[in-house]
Structures are given as structure tokens and as C-alpha cells.
PDB file of N, CA and C in Angstrom:
ATOM      1  N   MET A   1      11.866  -7.558  13.268  1.00  0.00           N
ATOM      2  CA  MET A   1      10.725  -6.723  12.975  1.00  0.00           C
ATOM      3  C   MET A   1      10.226  -7.031  11.564  1.00  0.00           C
ATOM      4  N   SER A   2       8.954  -7.259  11.457  1.00  0.00           N
ATOM      5  CA  SER A   2       8.352  -7.529  10.149  1.00  0.00           C
ATOM      6  C   SER A   2       8.014  -6.230   9.433  1.00  0.00           C
ATOM      7  N   TRP A   3       8.092  -6.298   8.129  1.00  0.00           N
ATOM      8  CA  TRP A   3       7.694  -5.195   7.267  1.00  0.00           C
ATOM      9  C   TRP A   3       6.538  -5.662   6.394  1.00  0.00           C
ATOM     10  N   PHE A   4       5.733  -4.722   5.946  1.00  0.00           N
ATOM     11  CA  PHE A   4       4.559  -5.027   5.139  1.00  0.00           C
ATOM     12  C   PHE A   4       4.555  -4.165   3.878  1.00  0.00           C
ATOM     13  N   VAL A   5       4.147  -4.779   2.791  1.00  0.00           N
ATOM     14  CA  VAL A   5       3.817  -4.061   1.568  1.00  0.00           C
ATOM     15  C   VAL A   5       2.299  -3.945   1.601  1.00  0.00           C
ATOM     16  N   TYR A   6       1.778  -2.801   1.221  1.00  0.00           N
ATOM     17  CA  TYR A   6       0.328  -2.623   1.274  1.00  0.00           C
ATOM     18  C   TYR A   6      -0.158  -1.861   0.050  1.00  0.00           C
ATOM     19  N   ILE A   7      -1.436  -2.057  -0.233  1.00  0.00           N
ATOM     20  CA  ILE A   7      -2.115  -1.295  -1.281  1.00  0.00           C
ATOM     21  C   ILE A   7      -3.353  -0.674  -0.659  1.00  0.00           C
ATOM     22  N   VAL A   8      -3.507   0.622  -0.879  1.00  0.00           N
ATOM     23  CA  VAL A   8      -4.717   1.321  -0.446  1.00  0.00           C
ATOM     24  C   VAL A   8      -5.408   1.904  -1.667  1.00  0.00           C
ATOM     25  N   GLU A   9      -6.701   2.086  -1.530  1.00  0.00           N
ATOM     26  CA  GLU A   9      -7.465   2.788  -2.567  1.00  0.00           C
ATOM     27  C   GLU A   9      -7.691   4.209  -2.072  1.00  0.00           C
ATOM     28  N   CYS A  10      -7.332   5.177  -2.884  1.00  0.00           N
ATOM     29  CA  CYS A  10      -7.500   6.587  -2.541  1.00  0.00           C
ATOM     30  C   CYS A  10      -8.909   7.058  -2.886  1.00  0.00           C
ATOM     31  N   SER A  11      -9.250   8.245  -2.439  1.00  0.00           N
ATOM     32  CA  SER A  11     -10.597   8.780  -2.669  1.00  0.00           C
ATOM     33  C   SER A  11     -10.915   8.957  -4.152  1.00  0.00           C
ATOM     34  N   ASN A  12      -9.889   9.085  -4.986  1.00  0.00           N
ATOM     35  CA  ASN A  12     -10.113   9.211  -6.436  1.00  0.00           C
ATOM     36  C   ASN A  12     -10.102   7.839  -7.126  1.00  0.00           C
ATOM     37  N   ARG A  13     -10.127   6.774  -6.335  1.00  0.00           N
ATOM     38  CA  ARG A  13     -10.175   5.373  -6.783  1.00  0.00           C
ATOM     39  C   ARG A  13      -8.837   4.877  -7.336  1.00  0.00           C
ATOM     40  N   SER A  14      -7.786   5.659  -7.210  1.00  0.00           N
ATOM     41  CA  SER A  14      -6.461   5.190  -7.623  1.00  0.00           C
ATOM     42  C   SER A  14      -5.909   4.245  -6.560  1.00  0.00           C
ATOM     43  N   LEU A  15      -4.928   3.436  -6.957  1.00  0.00           N
ATOM     44  CA  LEU A  15      -4.294   2.496  -6.047  1.00  0.00           C
ATOM     45  C   LEU A  15      -2.903   3.008  -5.690  1.00  0.00           C
ATOM     46  N   TYR A  16      -2.602   3.026  -4.405  1.00  0.00           N
ATOM     47  CA  TYR A  16      -1.309   3.485  -3.908  1.00  0.00           C
ATOM     48  C   TYR A  16      -0.634   2.320  -3.208  1.00  0.00           C
ATOM     49  N   THR A  17       0.620   2.068  -3.523  1.00  0.00           N
ATOM     50  CA  THR A  17       1.389   0.985  -2.921  1.00  0.00           C
ATOM     51  C   THR A  17       2.490   1.570  -2.061  1.00  0.00           C
ATOM     52  N   GLY A  18       2.679   1.011  -0.880  1.00  0.00           N
ATOM     53  CA  GLY A  18       3.722   1.488   0.016  1.00  0.00           C
ATOM     54  C   GLY A  18       4.223   0.385   0.921  1.00  0.00           C
ATOM     55  N   ILE A  19       5.154   0.728   1.809  1.00  0.00           N
ATOM     56  CA  ILE A  19       5.658  -0.217   2.802  1.00  0.00           C
ATOM     57  C   ILE A  19       5.612   0.428   4.178  1.00  0.00           C
ATOM     58  N   THR A  20       5.566  -0.401   5.201  1.00  0.00           N
ATOM     59  CA  THR A  20       5.581   0.078   6.585  1.00  0.00           C
ATOM     60  C   THR A  20       5.903  -1.082   7.514  1.00  0.00           C
ATOM     61  N   ASN A  21       6.269  -0.747   8.732  1.00  0.00           N
ATOM     62  CA  ASN A  21       6.422  -1.783   9.750  1.00  0.00           C
ATOM     63  C   ASN A  21       5.280  -1.695  10.765  1.00  0.00           C
ATOM     64  N   ASN A  22       4.316  -0.794  10.515  1.00  0.00           N
ATOM     65  CA  ASN A  22       3.153  -0.638  11.383  1.00  0.00           C
ATOM     66  C   ASN A  22       1.968  -0.156  10.531  1.00  0.00           C
ATOM     67  N   ILE A  23       1.129  -1.093  10.138  1.00  0.00           N
ATOM     68  CA  ILE A  23       0.008  -0.790   9.233  1.00  0.00           C
ATOM     69  C   ILE A  23      -0.944   0.249   9.826  1.00  0.00           C
ATOM     70  N   GLU A  24      -1.372   0.048  11.063  1.00  0.00           N
ATOM     71  CA  GLU A  24      -2.353   0.964  11.665  1.00  0.00           C
ATOM     72  C   GLU A  24      -1.822   2.395  11.720  1.00  0.00           C
ATOM     73  N   ARG A  25      -0.572   2.549  12.161  1.00  0.00           N
ATOM     74  CA  ARG A  25       0.019   3.891  12.249  1.00  0.00           C
ATOM     75  C   ARG A  25       0.116   4.540  10.872  1.00  0.00           C
ATOM     76  N   ARG A  26       0.509   3.755   9.868  1.00  0.00           N
ATOM     77  CA  ARG A  26       0.669   4.294   8.516  1.00  0.00           C
ATOM     78  C   ARG A  26      -0.665   4.743   7.937  1.00  0.00           C
ATOM     79  N   LEU A  27      -1.719   3.945   8.143  1.00  0.00           N
ATOM     80  CA  LEU A  27      -3.043   4.337   7.646  1.00  0.00           C
ATOM     81  C   LEU A  27      -3.522   5.624   8.313  1.00  0.00           C
ATOM     82  N   LYS A  28      -3.284   5.753   9.603  1.00  0.00           N
ATOM     83  CA  LYS A  28      -3.662   6.982  10.304  1.00  0.00           C
ATOM     84  C   LYS A  28      -2.930   8.184   9.705  1.00  0.00           C
ATOM     85  N   LYS A  29      -1.638   7.993   9.389  1.00  0.00           N
ATOM     86  CA  LYS A  29      -0.877   9.093   8.778  1.00  0.00           C
ATOM     87  C   LYS A  29      -1.438   9.460   7.407  1.00  0.00           C
ATOM     88  N   HIS A  30      -1.728   8.443   6.600  1.00  0.00           N
ATOM     89  CA  HIS A  30      -2.303   8.725   5.275  1.00  0.00           C
ATOM     90  C   HIS A  30      -3.613   9.492   5.418  1.00  0.00           C
ATOM     91  N   ASN A  31      -4.454   9.058   6.328  1.00  0.00           N
ATOM     92  CA  ASN A  31      -5.781   9.662   6.457  1.00  0.00           C
ATOM     93  C   ASN A  31      -5.778  10.993   7.198  1.00  0.00           C
ATOM     94  N   SER A  32      -4.662  11.319   7.856  1.00  0.00           N
ATOM     95  CA  SER A  32      -4.569  12.620   8.533  1.00  0.00           C
ATOM     96  C   SER A  32      -3.873  13.659   7.662  1.00  0.00           C
ATOM     97  N   GLY A  33      -3.452  13.251   6.448  1.00  0.00           N
ATOM     98  CA  GLY A  33      -2.769  14.177   5.558  1.00  0.00           C
ATOM     99  C   GLY A  33      -1.278  14.261   5.789  1.00  0.00           C
ATOM    100  N   LYS A  34      -0.731  13.358   6.600  1.00  0.00           N
ATOM    101  CA  LYS A  34       0.700  13.379   6.902  1.00  0.00           C
ATOM    102  C   LYS A  34       1.411  12.155   6.343  1.00  0.00           C
ATOM    103  N   GLY A  35       0.742  11.423   5.476  1.00  0.00           N
ATOM    104  CA  GLY A  35       1.339  10.235   4.863  1.00  0.00           C
ATOM    105  C   GLY A  35       2.115  10.624   3.620  1.00  0.00           C
ATOM    106  N   GLY A  36       2.091   9.757   2.636  1.00  0.00           N
ATOM    107  CA  GLY A  36       2.796  10.016   1.378  1.00  0.00           C
ATOM    108  C   GLY A  36       2.277  11.255   0.665  1.00  0.00           C
ATOM    109  N   TYR A  37       3.136  11.855  -0.114  1.00  0.00           N
ATOM    110  CA  TYR A  37       2.782  13.067  -0.855  1.00  0.00           C
ATOM    111  C   TYR A  37       1.525  12.859  -1.689  1.00  0.00           C
ATOM    112  N   TYR A  38       1.450  11.733  -2.384  1.00  0.00           N
ATOM    113  CA  TYR A  38       0.310  11.471  -3.263  1.00  0.00           C
ATOM    114  C   TYR A  38      -0.986  11.355  -2.467  1.00  0.00           C
ATOM    115  N   THR A  39      -0.954  10.607  -1.369  1.00  0.00           N
ATOM    116  CA  THR A  39      -2.199  10.373  -0.632  1.00  0.00           C
ATOM    117  C   THR A  39      -2.706  11.618   0.081  1.00  0.00           C
ATOM    118  N   ARG A  40      -1.845  12.606   0.296  1.00  0.00           N
ATOM    119  CA  ARG A  40      -2.317  13.859   0.906  1.00  0.00           C
ATOM    120  C   ARG A  40      -3.392  14.510   0.052  1.00  0.00           C
ATOM    121  N   SER A  41      -3.264  14.366  -1.246  1.00  0.00           N
ATOM    122  CA  SER A  41      -4.232  14.979  -2.164  1.00  0.00           C
ATOM    123  C   SER A  41      -5.482  14.139  -2.357  1.00  0.00           C
ATOM    124  N   PHE A  42      -5.405  12.865  -2.028  1.00  0.00           N
ATOM    125  CA  PHE A  42      -6.515  11.955  -2.332  1.00  0.00           C
ATOM    126  C   PHE A  42      -6.919  11.104  -1.137  1.00  0.00           C
ATOM    127  N   SER A  43      -6.945  11.709   0.042  1.00  0.00           N
ATOM    128  CA  SER A  43      -7.405  10.972   1.213  1.00  0.00           C
ATOM    129  C   SER A  43      -8.898  11.236   1.390  1.00  0.00           C
ATOM    130  N   PRO A  44      -9.630  10.388   2.059  1.00  0.00           N
ATOM    131  CA  PRO A  44      -9.138   9.262   2.844  1.00  0.00           C
ATOM    132  C   PRO A  44      -8.783   8.063   1.962  1.00  0.00           C
ATOM    133  N   VAL A  45      -8.005   7.166   2.559  1.00  0.00           N
ATOM    134  CA  VAL A  45      -7.623   5.944   1.868  1.00  0.00           C
ATOM    135  C   VAL A  45      -8.249   4.751   2.585  1.00  0.00           C
ATOM    136  N   LYS A  46      -8.386   3.666   1.835  1.00  0.00           N
ATOM    137  CA  LYS A  46      -8.964   2.434   2.383  1.00  0.00           C
ATOM    138  C   LYS A  46      -7.978   1.297   2.111  1.00  0.00           C
ATOM    139  N   LEU A  47      -7.615   0.571   3.147  1.00  0.00           N
ATOM    140  CA  LEU A  47      -6.686  -0.540   3.001  1.00  0.00           C
ATOM    141  C   LEU A  47      -7.349  -1.678   2.226  1.00  0.00           C
ATOM    142  N   LEU A  48      -6.681  -2.141   1.169  1.00  0.00           N
ATOM    143  CA  LEU A  48      -7.207  -3.229   0.352  1.00  0.00           C
ATOM    144  C   LEU A  48      -6.407  -4.521   0.487  1.00  0.00           C
ATOM    145  N   TRP A  49      -5.095  -4.400   0.760  1.00  0.00           N
ATOM    146  CA  TRP A  49      -4.228  -5.580   0.695  1.00  0.00           C
ATOM    147  C   TRP A  49      -2.953  -5.350   1.481  1.00  0.00           C
ATOM    148  N   THR A  50      -2.463  -6.404   2.132  1.00  0.00           N
ATOM    149  CA  THR A  50      -1.148  -6.367   2.777  1.00  0.00           C
ATOM    150  C   THR A  50      -0.426  -7.677   2.511  1.00  0.00           C
ATOM    151  N   GLU A  51       0.889  -7.590   2.562  1.00  0.00           N
ATOM    152  CA  GLU A  51       1.728  -8.777   2.419  1.00  0.00           C
ATOM    153  C   GLU A  51       2.931  -8.592   3.334  1.00  0.00           C
ATOM    154  N   GLN A  52       3.142  -9.533   4.234  1.00  0.00           N
ATOM    155  CA  GLN A  52       4.258  -9.447   5.172  1.00  0.00           C
ATOM    156  C   GLN A  52       5.557  -9.861   4.496  1.00  0.00           C
ATOM    157  N   GLN A  53       6.623  -9.136   4.826  1.00  0.00           N
ATOM    158  CA  GLN A  53       7.960  -9.426   4.315  1.00  0.00           C
ATOM    159  C   GLN A  53       8.910  -9.568   5.503  1.00  0.00           C
ATOM    160  N   PRO A  54       9.989 -10.347   5.358  1.00  0.00           N
ATOM    161  CA  PRO A  54      10.875 -10.592   6.498  1.00  0.00           C
ATOM    162  C   PRO A  54      11.725  -9.394   6.921  1.00  0.00           C
ATOM    163  N   ASN A  55      11.968  -8.459   5.992  1.00  0.00           N
ATOM    164  CA  ASN A  55      12.774  -7.291   6.340  1.00  0.00           C
ATOM    165  C   ASN A  55      12.483  -6.146   5.361  1.00  0.00           C
ATOM    166  N   LYS A  56      13.059  -4.999   5.648  1.00  0.00           N
ATOM    167  CA  LYS A  56      12.792  -3.806   4.839  1.00  0.00           C
ATOM    168  C   LYS A  56      13.275  -3.971   3.407  1.00  0.00           C
ATOM    169  N   SER A  57      14.411  -4.628   3.226  1.00  0.00           N
ATOM    170  CA  SER A  57      14.960  -4.808   1.883  1.00  0.00           C
ATOM    171  C   SER A  57      13.996  -5.586   0.989  1.00  0.00           C
ATOM    172  N   PHE A  58      13.461  -6.686   1.500  1.00  0.00           N
ATOM    173  CA  PHE A  58      12.497  -7.472   0.723  1.00  0.00           C
ATOM    174  C   PHE A  58      11.235  -6.655   0.451  1.00  0.00           C
ATOM    175  N   ALA A  59      10.789  -5.889   1.455  1.00  0.00           N
ATOM    176  CA  ALA A  59       9.589  -5.065   1.286  1.00  0.00           C
ATOM    177  C   ALA A  59       9.787  -4.019   0.193  1.00  0.00           C
ATOM    178  N   LEU A  60      10.955  -3.379   0.182  1.00  0.00           N
ATOM    179  CA  LEU A  60      11.233  -2.370  -0.845  1.00  0.00           C
ATOM    180  C   LEU A  60      11.260  -2.973  -2.244  1.00  0.00           C
ATOM    181  N   LYS A  61      11.830  -4.162  -2.365  1.00  0.00           N
ATOM    182  CA  LYS A  61      11.887  -4.832  -3.670  1.00  0.00           C
ATOM    183  C   LYS A  61      10.493  -5.214  -4.148  1.00  0.00           C
ATOM    184  N   ARG A  62       9.674  -5.730  -3.240  1.00  0.00           N
ATOM    185  CA  ARG A  62       8.310  -6.123  -3.610  1.00  0.00           C
ATOM    186  C   ARG A  62       7.476  -4.885  -3.964  1.00  0.00           C
ATOM    187  N   GLU A  63       7.652  -3.807  -3.195  1.00  0.00           N
ATOM    188  CA  GLU A  63       6.944  -2.557  -3.484  1.00  0.00           C
ATOM    189  C   GLU A  63       7.284  -2.072  -4.892  1.00  0.00           C
ATOM    190  N   ALA A  64       8.569  -2.069  -5.230  1.00  0.00           N
ATOM    191  CA  ALA A  64       8.998  -1.613  -6.557  1.00  0.00           C
ATOM    192  C   ALA A  64       8.397  -2.491  -7.645  1.00  0.00           C
ATOM    193  N   GLN A  65       8.350  -3.794  -7.407  1.00  0.00           N
ATOM    194  CA  GLN A  65       7.768  -4.704  -8.383  1.00  0.00           C
ATOM    195  C   GLN A  65       6.290  -4.368  -8.619  1.00  0.00           C
ATOM    196  N   ILE A  66       5.544  -4.224  -7.538  1.00  0.00           N
ATOM    197  CA  ILE A  66       4.108  -3.949  -7.657  1.00  0.00           C
ATOM    198  C   ILE A  66       3.865  -2.580  -8.276  1.00  0.00           C
ATOM    199  N   LYS A  67       4.645  -1.588  -7.912  1.00  0.00           N
ATOM    200  CA  LYS A  67       4.475  -0.247  -8.488  1.00  0.00           C
ATOM    201  C   LYS A  67       4.711  -0.233  -9.995  1.00  0.00           C
ATOM    202  N   SER A  68       5.494  -1.175 -10.490  1.00  0.00           N
ATOM    203  CA  SER A  68       5.760  -1.220 -11.936  1.00  0.00           C
ATOM    204  C   SER A  68       4.601  -1.836 -12.714  1.00  0.00           C
ATOM    205  N   TRP A  69       3.666  -2.456 -12.017  1.00  0.00           N
ATOM    206  CA  TRP A  69       2.539  -3.117 -12.682  1.00  0.00           C
ATOM    207  C   TRP A  69       1.468  -2.106 -13.077  1.00  0.00           C
ATOM    208  N   ASN A  70       0.685  -2.466 -14.091  1.00  0.00           N
ATOM    209  CA  ASN A  70      -0.467  -1.637 -14.460  1.00  0.00           C
ATOM    210  C   ASN A  70      -1.635  -1.957 -13.518  1.00  0.00           C
ATOM    211  N   ARG A  71      -2.674  -1.166 -13.597  1.00  0.00           N
ATOM    212  CA  ARG A  71      -3.819  -1.316 -12.690  1.00  0.00           C
ATOM    213  C   ARG A  71      -4.457  -2.699 -12.799  1.00  0.00           C
ATOM    214  N   THR A  72      -4.558  -3.231 -14.008  1.00  0.00           N
ATOM    215  CA  THR A  72      -5.185  -4.535 -14.215  1.00  0.00           C
ATOM    216  C   THR A  72      -4.438  -5.623 -13.448  1.00  0.00           C
ATOM    217  N   LYS A  73      -3.127  -5.584 -13.519  1.00  0.00           N
ATOM    218  CA  LYS A  73      -2.334  -6.595 -12.814  1.00  0.00           C
ATOM    219  C   LYS A  73      -2.448  -6.416 -11.297  1.00  0.00           C
ATOM    220  N   LYS A  74      -2.490  -5.186 -10.821  1.00  0.00           N
ATOM    221  CA  LYS A  74      -2.671  -4.941  -9.383  1.00  0.00           C
ATOM    222  C   LYS A  74      -4.034  -5.447  -8.926  1.00  0.00           C
ATOM    223  N   GLN A  75      -5.065  -5.214  -9.729  1.00  0.00           N
ATOM    224  CA  GLN A  75      -6.402  -5.686  -9.366  1.00  0.00           C
ATOM    225  C   GLN A  75      -6.460  -7.206  -9.342  1.00  0.00           C
ATOM    226  N   ALA A  76      -5.724  -7.855 -10.232  1.00  0.00           N
ATOM    227  CA  ALA A  76      -5.659  -9.316 -10.224  1.00  0.00           C
ATOM    228  C   ALA A  76      -5.026  -9.799  -8.919  1.00  0.00           C
ATOM    229  N   LEU A  77      -4.010  -9.116  -8.450  1.00  0.00           N
ATOM    230  CA  LEU A  77      -3.393  -9.453  -7.169  1.00  0.00           C
ATOM    231  C   LEU A  77      -4.411  -9.300  -6.036  1.00  0.00           C
ATOM    232  N   LEU A  78      -5.167  -8.218  -6.071  1.00  0.00           N
ATOM    233  CA  LEU A  78      -6.160  -7.965  -5.026  1.00  0.00           C
ATOM    234  C   LEU A  78      -7.253  -9.025  -5.008  1.00  0.00           C
ATOM    235  N   THR A  79      -7.699  -9.460  -6.154  1.00  0.00           N
ATOM    236  CA  THR A  79      -8.783 -10.435  -6.209  1.00  0.00           C
ATOM    237  C   THR A  79      -8.307 -11.856  -5.948  1.00  0.00           C
ATOM    238  N   SER A  80      -7.023 -12.122  -6.163  1.00  0.00           N
ATOM    239  CA  SER A  80      -6.517 -13.476  -5.940  1.00  0.00           C
ATOM    240  C   SER A  80      -6.069 -13.683  -4.506  1.00  0.00           C
ATOM    241  N   SER A  81      -5.938 -12.615  -3.747  1.00  0.00           N
ATOM    242  CA  SER A  81      -5.478 -12.709  -2.357  1.00  0.00           C
ATOM    243  C   SER A  81      -6.656 -12.614  -1.408  1.00  0.00           C
ATOM    244  N   THR A  82      -6.516 -13.308  -0.307  1.00  0.00           N
ATOM    245  CA  THR A  82      -7.509 -13.162   0.742  1.00  0.00           C
ATOM    246  C   THR A  82      -6.959 -12.198   1.762  1.00  0.00           C
ATOM    247  N   PHE A  83      -7.792 -11.289   2.206  1.00  0.00           N
ATOM    248  CA  PHE A  83      -7.336 -10.234   3.112  1.00  0.00           C
ATOM    249  C   PHE A  83      -7.751 -10.533   4.510  1.00  0.00           C
TER     250      PHE A  83
END
């Protein structure tokens, strides 16, 4: 089973990073108010970026790495990647 790291833009223009093994289901949860605690306050969200990982462990490590970055570095990732 593949896992994905993703970045969404929230309604307040903030960037939220998470992981999932089903992108469509996760976006529906975020937009229905049943996703992450943070996105409940700032939905709807818009998917900006995904990256496939071979397993959950790799996805969690990549998520932690991206979450440690500032907004400028995250935006550089978004603009350098093709979606």
C-alpha cells in the first residue's frame, strides 16, 4: 500500500501538511470538518501537492521534514514540483 505526503491550502491561506493512504478520502474528511484539528477551523482546503512514499514510516519522516520548514521553503517545493 502506498502512502502520500500532501500539502493543502486552507481557507486562511495557511499551508497544512499531512499524510494519508487515500488522498480523495482525506480531502473529503478535511472539507467536511472531520479531518485534522487545524483544518476544521480553516476549511475548505485545496490540494496543492502530493508525493508518494513506499510506506507509512517514510511518509511520516517526510511529513516531519516538511512541517519543520518555513512557508518560503514550502512554497519553493510547490513551485518546483509538477502536480
